[in-house]
Amino acid sequence: MVNVLAVALILLGCSKDPIQLSPEPETSNPVDTTTTSKPTPDTGGIHKAMLLGSDAAPYGYYVYTPSTYKKDGPTFPLLIFLHGAGETGNSKTSPVELDKVLVNGPPNMIKNKTWAPTHPMIVVSPQCHEGWWDRDHVRQFIKFISTTYRVDQKRIYLTGLSMGGYGTFDQLNSYDDNQIAAAVPIAGSGLMNALFTQRISKVPIWVFHGEADKIVPPDFSKAIVPAINALNPKVRAKLTLYPGVEHNSWKMTYTGSGMGKEDPAYDPFAMDIYNWMYQYTKP
């Protein structure tokens, strides 16, 4: 794992320069309210495996559509989940590999029938088969999914853990015209410079990390959030750290079980990340 991340850092450092584009205006609804009731899991939704090559998407993926989803019905928010390095695989050559994406995060909650967001969402979990999340392919994938399914174009959200946390940061810092309305990178890292920070500041972001993480130390997370906030963004960036927690800080974040276990010196974990993301829209 450490070697994979080390190689990935080198690849990120050597990746092509992001194209500089004119920023689009952003609208948001930064009302930080906490929900008190827990919704019932939607066990009637469909979680479908789409093997690499089965459609025009650049990745194989699992797609979850809520029980009320219809091809000619209303649109739904879209949550894109980027997995970690341990879940890479090529479902075109080995279909069973795609099930690796069900190990963590929202797809695991859907599999275990514990997925119960207040606001129903389409959840799409791509599988990386290239060794690392390629910024252009992730961008193409998001555009493909957002136009193939009944997606609310104003509510496209991105989250990822470990390697997927890197991929989340990389998607935000690479494009001025990204479609992302809000993002939650967990146990990730990335490259930091003035241009990247300025781009990330245009998207509401909540960063989570374990303070004892030795695989991906929290240094970048602790540096990028104050750097974003120094730019006075429309929505203040948030950082939540877990004392004594090592690399796996994602399960407690995605399930909400980490609430009350965070370091009080940083942002409190007082509402689930799905309601937090749902507050924000982007034209």
Protein backbone atom coordinates (compact mmCIF):
# COMPACT_ATOMS: atom_id res chain seq x y z
CA MET A 1 0.00 0.00 0.00
CA VAL A 2 2.76 2.42 0.95
CA ASN A 3 4.65 1.64 -2.27
CA VAL A 4 1.52 2.15 -4.35
CA LEU A 5 0.90 5.54 -2.78
CA ALA A 6 4.52 6.55 -3.20
CA VAL A 7 4.42 5.70 -6.89
CA ALA A 8 1.14 7.55 -7.20
CA LEU A 9 2.63 10.70 -5.72
CA ILE A 10 5.32 10.57 -8.37
CA LEU A 11 2.70 10.08 -11.06
CA LEU A 12 0.71 13.02 -9.77
CA GLY A 13 3.79 15.18 -9.78
CA CYS A 14 4.52 14.17 -13.37
CA SER A 15 0.96 14.40 -14.68
CA LYS A 16 0.11 16.85 -17.40
CA ASP A 17 -0.53 20.44 -16.41
CA PRO A 18 -4.21 21.15 -15.85
CA ILE A 19 -5.90 23.29 -18.47
CA GLN A 20 -6.66 26.79 -17.22
CA LEU A 21 -10.26 27.68 -17.91
CA SER A 22 -12.47 30.61 -16.98
CA PRO A 23 -14.31 29.94 -13.72
CA GLU A 24 -18.04 29.39 -13.77
CA PRO A 25 -20.26 31.11 -11.20
CA GLU A 26 -21.25 28.91 -8.30
CA THR A 27 -24.40 28.95 -6.24
CA SER A 28 -24.70 27.30 -2.86
CA ASN A 29 -26.95 27.05 0.15
CA PRO A 30 -24.56 27.00 3.12
CA VAL A 31 -27.06 26.27 5.86
CA ASP A 32 -25.48 23.88 8.37
CA THR A 33 -28.47 22.17 9.98
CA THR A 34 -28.49 18.84 11.79
CA THR A 35 -31.15 16.21 11.20
CA THR A 36 -32.50 14.46 14.27
CA SER A 37 -34.43 11.55 12.76
CA LYS A 38 -32.89 8.62 10.94
CA PRO A 39 -34.61 7.56 7.71
CA THR A 40 -35.43 3.94 6.97
CA PRO A 41 -33.01 2.16 4.61
CA ASP A 42 -34.29 2.04 1.04
CA THR A 43 -34.11 -1.70 0.42
CA GLY A 44 -36.14 -1.47 -2.78
CA GLY A 45 -33.44 0.22 -4.83
CA ILE A 46 -31.46 -1.54 -7.55
CA HIS A 47 -27.67 -2.00 -7.27
CA LYS A 48 -26.43 -3.04 -10.69
CA ALA A 49 -22.99 -4.12 -11.86
CA MET A 50 -21.85 -2.58 -15.15
CA LEU A 51 -18.74 -4.37 -16.39
CA LEU A 52 -15.97 -2.46 -18.12
CA GLY A 53 -16.87 -2.29 -21.82
CA SER A 54 -20.60 -2.92 -21.30
CA ASP A 55 -21.31 0.71 -22.15
CA ALA A 56 -19.36 3.83 -23.14
CA ALA A 57 -18.15 4.63 -19.61
CA PRO A 58 -14.34 4.73 -19.19
CA TYR A 59 -14.66 2.52 -16.08
CA GLY A 60 -16.63 -0.50 -14.99
CA TYR A 61 -18.93 0.48 -12.14
CA TYR A 62 -21.75 -0.32 -9.76
CA VAL A 63 -24.79 1.94 -10.01
CA TYR A 64 -27.48 2.21 -7.36
CA THR A 65 -30.84 3.73 -8.24
CA PRO A 66 -33.42 4.42 -5.49
CA SER A 67 -36.70 2.51 -5.38
CA THR A 68 -38.58 5.52 -6.80
CA TYR A 69 -36.21 5.89 -9.77
CA LYS A 70 -37.81 5.73 -13.23
CA LYS A 71 -36.25 6.28 -16.63
CA ASP A 72 -38.87 8.91 -17.40
CA GLY A 73 -39.31 10.10 -13.80
CA PRO A 74 -37.83 12.89 -11.67
CA THR A 75 -34.09 13.47 -11.35
CA PHE A 76 -31.98 12.54 -8.31
CA PRO A 77 -28.76 13.83 -6.76
CA LEU A 78 -25.68 11.89 -7.86
CA LEU A 79 -22.96 10.65 -5.50
CA ILE A 80 -19.73 9.43 -7.11
CA PHE A 81 -17.57 7.24 -4.85
CA LEU A 82 -13.86 6.69 -5.63
CA HIS A 83 -12.38 3.61 -3.95
CA GLY A 84 -8.89 3.05 -2.55
CA ALA A 85 -5.86 1.27 -4.03
CA GLY A 86 -6.87 -2.15 -2.72
CA GLU A 87 -10.03 -2.25 -4.83
CA THR A 88 -8.56 -1.74 -8.32
CA GLY A 89 -9.37 -4.37 -10.93
CA ASN A 90 -10.36 -5.03 -14.53
CA SER A 91 -13.91 -6.34 -14.81
CA LYS A 92 -13.56 -6.69 -18.58
CA THR A 93 -11.04 -9.51 -18.22
CA SER A 94 -12.32 -10.77 -14.85
CA PRO A 95 -15.96 -9.81 -14.07
CA VAL A 96 -15.68 -10.87 -10.42
CA GLU A 97 -13.12 -8.10 -9.86
CA LEU A 98 -15.88 -5.49 -9.93
CA ASP A 99 -17.21 -6.73 -6.59
CA LYS A 100 -14.12 -5.23 -4.94
CA VAL A 101 -15.81 -1.82 -5.04
CA LEU A 102 -18.39 -3.13 -2.57
CA VAL A 103 -15.82 -3.44 0.22
CA ASN A 104 -16.02 0.10 1.62
CA GLY A 105 -18.09 3.25 1.73
CA PRO A 106 -21.59 3.82 0.33
CA PRO A 107 -21.57 0.74 -1.97
CA ASN A 108 -20.78 -1.42 1.07
CA MET A 109 -23.65 0.21 2.98
CA ILE A 110 -25.98 -0.44 0.04
CA LYS A 111 -24.84 -4.07 -0.10
CA ASN A 112 -25.48 -4.46 3.64
CA LYS A 113 -28.85 -2.66 3.41
CA THR A 114 -27.79 0.12 5.78
CA TRP A 115 -27.82 2.88 3.14
CA ALA A 116 -30.45 5.38 4.32
CA PRO A 117 -29.73 8.99 3.31
CA THR A 118 -32.40 11.56 4.11
CA HIS A 119 -32.49 12.52 0.44
CA PRO A 120 -32.46 9.57 -2.02
CA MET A 121 -29.44 9.60 -4.33
CA ILE A 122 -28.09 7.76 -7.31
CA VAL A 123 -24.81 6.23 -6.11
CA VAL A 124 -22.18 5.30 -8.68
CA SER A 125 -18.96 3.50 -7.74
CA PRO A 126 -16.46 3.23 -10.61
CA GLN A 127 -13.56 0.77 -10.52
CA CYS A 128 -10.10 1.99 -11.49
CA HIS A 129 -8.32 -0.49 -13.78
CA GLU A 130 -5.38 1.78 -14.68
CA GLY A 131 -3.40 1.72 -11.43
CA TRP A 132 -4.46 5.22 -10.39
CA TRP A 133 -7.41 7.58 -10.86
CA ASP A 134 -6.80 9.51 -14.08
CA ARG A 135 -8.21 13.03 -13.80
CA ASP A 136 -9.49 13.16 -17.38
CA HIS A 137 -11.11 9.72 -17.22
CA VAL A 138 -12.83 10.55 -13.92
CA ARG A 139 -14.11 13.77 -15.49
CA GLN A 140 -15.38 11.86 -18.55
CA PHE A 141 -16.99 9.28 -16.29
CA ILE A 142 -18.88 11.90 -14.28
CA LYS A 143 -20.16 13.52 -17.48
CA PHE A 144 -21.20 10.14 -18.89
CA ILE A 145 -23.12 9.14 -15.76
CA SER A 146 -24.74 12.56 -15.37
CA THR A 147 -26.19 12.37 -18.88
CA THR A 148 -27.00 8.64 -18.97
CA TYR A 149 -29.07 8.49 -15.78
CA ARG A 150 -31.79 10.75 -14.38
CA VAL A 151 -29.37 13.05 -12.56
CA ASP A 152 -30.09 16.44 -11.00
CA GLN A 153 -27.31 18.37 -12.74
CA LYS A 154 -27.15 20.87 -9.85
CA ARG A 155 -26.43 18.17 -7.28
CA ILE A 156 -23.42 16.09 -8.33
CA TYR A 157 -21.26 15.12 -5.34
CA LEU A 158 -17.83 13.49 -5.13
CA THR A 159 -16.19 11.52 -2.34
CA GLY A 160 -13.31 9.08 -2.08
CA LEU A 161 -11.03 7.33 0.38
CA SER A 162 -7.23 6.99 0.37
CA MET A 163 -6.37 6.74 -3.35
CA GLY A 164 -9.91 7.95 -3.96
CA GLY A 165 -9.20 10.88 -1.66
CA TYR A 166 -6.27 11.77 -3.90
CA GLY A 167 -8.58 11.40 -6.89
CA THR A 168 -11.14 13.71 -5.31
CA PHE A 169 -8.59 16.45 -4.63
CA ASP A 170 -7.12 15.99 -8.11
CA GLN A 171 -10.52 16.40 -9.76
CA LEU A 172 -11.19 19.63 -7.89
CA ASN A 173 -7.79 21.21 -8.50
CA SER A 174 -7.58 20.32 -12.20
CA TYR A 175 -10.59 22.13 -13.66
CA ASP A 176 -12.30 25.45 -13.17
CA ASP A 177 -15.47 24.13 -14.80
CA ASN A 178 -15.96 20.89 -12.88
CA GLN A 179 -19.52 19.73 -12.23
CA ILE A 180 -19.01 19.03 -8.53
CA ALA A 181 -21.40 20.77 -6.11
CA ALA A 182 -19.62 19.50 -2.94
CA ALA A 183 -16.87 17.03 -2.09
CA VAL A 184 -15.71 14.87 0.84
CA PRO A 185 -12.15 13.47 0.52
CA ILE A 186 -11.15 11.03 3.26
CA ALA A 187 -7.59 9.97 4.16
CA GLY A 188 -6.30 11.52 0.94
CA SER A 189 -3.61 13.94 -0.15
CA GLY A 190 -2.38 15.77 -3.22
CA LEU A 191 -0.33 18.57 -4.68
CA MET A 192 -0.65 22.09 -3.37
CA ASN A 193 0.02 25.38 -5.09
CA ALA A 194 -1.77 28.71 -5.49
CA LEU A 195 -3.69 27.73 -8.63
CA PHE A 196 -4.83 24.37 -7.24
CA THR A 197 -5.93 25.93 -3.95
CA GLN A 198 -7.87 28.63 -5.78
CA ARG A 199 -9.70 26.03 -7.87
CA ILE A 200 -10.54 23.83 -4.88
CA SER A 201 -11.90 26.88 -3.02
CA LYS A 202 -14.77 27.13 -5.52
CA VAL A 203 -16.28 23.85 -4.31
CA PRO A 204 -17.60 23.26 -0.76
CA ILE A 205 -15.27 20.68 0.74
CA TRP A 206 -15.18 18.72 4.00
CA VAL A 207 -11.91 16.88 4.63
CA PHE A 208 -11.61 13.91 7.04
CA HIS A 209 -8.42 12.25 8.27
CA GLY A 210 -7.05 10.12 11.09
CA GLU A 211 -4.42 11.94 13.13
CA ALA A 212 -2.38 8.74 13.54
CA ASP A 213 -2.44 7.87 9.81
CA LYS A 214 1.06 6.68 8.81
CA ILE A 215 0.17 5.53 5.29
CA VAL A 216 -1.16 8.92 4.19
CA PRO A 217 -0.18 11.38 6.94
CA PRO A 218 -2.68 14.18 7.57
CA ASP A 219 -0.19 16.97 6.77
CA PHE A 220 -1.79 17.87 3.43
CA SER A 221 -5.30 17.87 4.91
CA LYS A 222 -4.15 20.14 7.73
CA ALA A 223 -2.51 22.52 5.25
CA ILE A 224 -5.04 22.70 2.41
CA VAL A 225 -8.10 23.61 4.50
CA PRO A 226 -6.66 26.77 6.10
CA ALA A 227 -5.14 27.70 2.73
CA ILE A 228 -8.60 27.50 1.15
CA ASN A 229 -10.19 29.51 3.94
CA ALA A 230 -7.52 32.19 3.62
CA LEU A 231 -9.07 32.91 0.19
CA ASN A 232 -12.42 33.72 1.84
CA PRO A 233 -14.45 31.20 -0.20
CA LYS A 234 -18.25 31.41 -0.43
CA VAL A 235 -18.40 28.25 1.67
CA ARG A 236 -15.79 27.73 4.39
CA ALA A 237 -13.78 24.53 3.97
CA LYS A 238 -14.07 22.07 6.87
CA LEU A 239 -11.52 19.73 8.45
CA THR A 240 -12.40 16.94 10.86
CA LEU A 241 -9.64 14.86 12.44
CA TYR A 242 -9.91 11.71 14.55
CA PRO A 243 -7.35 11.41 17.38
CA GLY A 244 -5.67 8.00 17.59
CA VAL A 245 -7.20 6.82 14.30
CA GLU A 246 -4.86 5.46 11.65
CA HIS A 247 -5.52 5.06 7.92
CA ASN A 248 -9.08 3.72 8.04
CA SER A 249 -10.91 6.90 8.92
CA TRP A 250 -13.53 6.28 6.22
CA LYS A 251 -15.84 3.71 7.81
CA MET A 252 -16.61 5.98 10.76
CA THR A 253 -17.14 8.88 8.37
CA TYR A 254 -19.40 7.17 5.84
CA THR A 255 -21.51 5.45 8.52
CA GLY A 256 -21.53 8.45 10.86
CA SER A 257 -20.19 6.35 13.75
CA GLY A 258 -17.31 8.82 14.10
CA MET A 259 -19.61 11.54 15.41
CA GLY A 260 -18.40 12.58 18.85
CA LYS A 261 -14.99 10.96 18.33
CA GLU A 262 -13.39 13.88 16.50
CA ASP A 263 -10.66 16.21 17.75
CA PRO A 264 -12.45 19.23 19.29
CA ALA A 265 -9.69 21.52 18.01
CA TYR A 266 -11.07 21.07 14.47
CA ASP A 267 -14.51 21.09 12.86
CA PRO A 268 -17.12 19.01 14.68
CA PHE A 269 -18.71 15.99 13.05
CA ALA A 270 -22.23 17.07 13.93
CA MET A 271 -24.18 16.11 10.81
CA ASP A 272 -23.83 13.26 8.34
CA ILE A 273 -21.85 14.00 5.19
CA TYR A 274 -24.78 13.24 2.85
CA ASN A 275 -27.03 15.93 4.36
CA TRP A 276 -24.05 18.27 4.40
CA MET A 277 -23.42 17.76 0.68
CA TYR A 278 -27.11 18.05 -0.17
CA GLN A 279 -27.13 21.65 1.05
CA TYR A 280 -25.07 22.73 -1.94
CA THR A 281 -26.03 23.14 -5.56
CA LYS A 282 -24.12 24.22 -8.65
CA PRO A 283 -25.54 25.41 -11.98
